[in-house]
Amino acid sequence: MDGLPDVAEALPKPRLDYPFAAPPERGRTLEVAPGVRWIRLPLPFALNHINLWAIDDGAGWALVDTGTRTEETVAIWRELFVNHADDKRPLSRVFVTHMHPDHVGLAGWLTRKFGIRLWMSRLEYLSCRAMVSDTGREAPADAIAFYRRAGWSAEAIEAYMARFGNFGKLIHTLPDSYRRLSDREEITIGARRWRVIMGNGHSPEHACLHCAELGLLISGDQVLPRISSNVSVYPIEPDANPMQQWLDSLAMLRIEVPADTLVLPSHNEPFRGLHDRIAALETGQQRALDRLRRTLAQAPRRAIDVFGALFARSVDPGNVPLLGMATGESIACLNYLLARGEVVREADAQGVDWYRAHPDPSLHAG
């Protein structure tokens, strides 16, 4: 999910074109291209909305993403069915870009309601099943140790333990089988061909959908126009380097998708100016990494000590969801510098990790 604090320094402003004056109203859709309709649903988070996309699939409508499992979201789906009752075609299949609850939350409900299949990448499907299985489980020792190493207080750890296992509460039970989406696969939806482009960093195997004929990219959370994707390290893979994966994915999208493509993101508004937006995201991230480098050159720091270098506003240690996202993204940046040989990580007597600039700059990668 997204909604981390903005970076501490304003990002360069890309020249983006927003062709639609306003999002669709509650329970309504808005056509953004021939046979492609925009749906907006509310979210119970700081980032308070998600965009879904319905694609004309001939005898039905293919849906991309579903919204979070809440009573309000289900009520709005019922309004959509009523308001569009003149179109007798049902949903034909459900595509999910990635495993986060705002995207997959109602996939199980919709696929069962219409007797249709879920289309999703393998890593996203299996990762989601694994995380949902934590519902009701006590926080594992490895996860507690992960946040202790990051410098969390005993109070924050206690609050994390009390909240652990809530992920699955926002997700309707997934189907027991699915249709796997693979990178570079071409899929016919209705009368048009769509190509799957996998991205990484924000989630394990994020599926974007590109239709060259319509000049459209359904970007999910991989590229957003007004906010940056949350790129985090999690306790299950503490040495991961998702920041490198995300930057590599941005570079790949610049090559694979034309600059004048209309981008349909999961949050904010559809826009043109993909290459400019990618350049702004890359520049903003490199500036954040430079600030982090300068901070670590001054003195050793824990993961929780570098928030000021990376984010514009303070992170309340009592706000555990925000603290968790900020910690995950800070460690993603630190692991990126570790992989490049630019910093050294050492544990103190209490097992807390401290990071400092590598004493020999000549050993740095790239």
Foldseek 3Di string as FASTA:
>chain_A
DDDFFAWADDFDAFDKFFPDPDADDQLDWDDPFVQKIWDKDFDPDPQTIWIKIWGAQPQATEIEFQAWDDPRSVVSVVSNCVVVVVNVRYHAEYEFQAQARGGAACRAVRCVVVVHFYEYAPQRVVVNVVLLVFAPPFDDPLQLLLVVQLPADPVLSVVCRVCRRCRNVGHDDHDPDHHHDDAQDWDDRHNFIWGWHWAFQLHHTGTWIATVVRLEIACEQLFDNPGHRQGFDGSVCLLDQSVVRSLVSLVVCPVVHDQQGFYNYTGDGTIGGSNSRSVSVVVLVVQLLVLVQVVQAVDWDRLQRSLSSTRNDDDPSVPNVNVRSSSGSSSSSVSNQVVQVQWDWDADPSRHIIIHGDPDVVSGHD
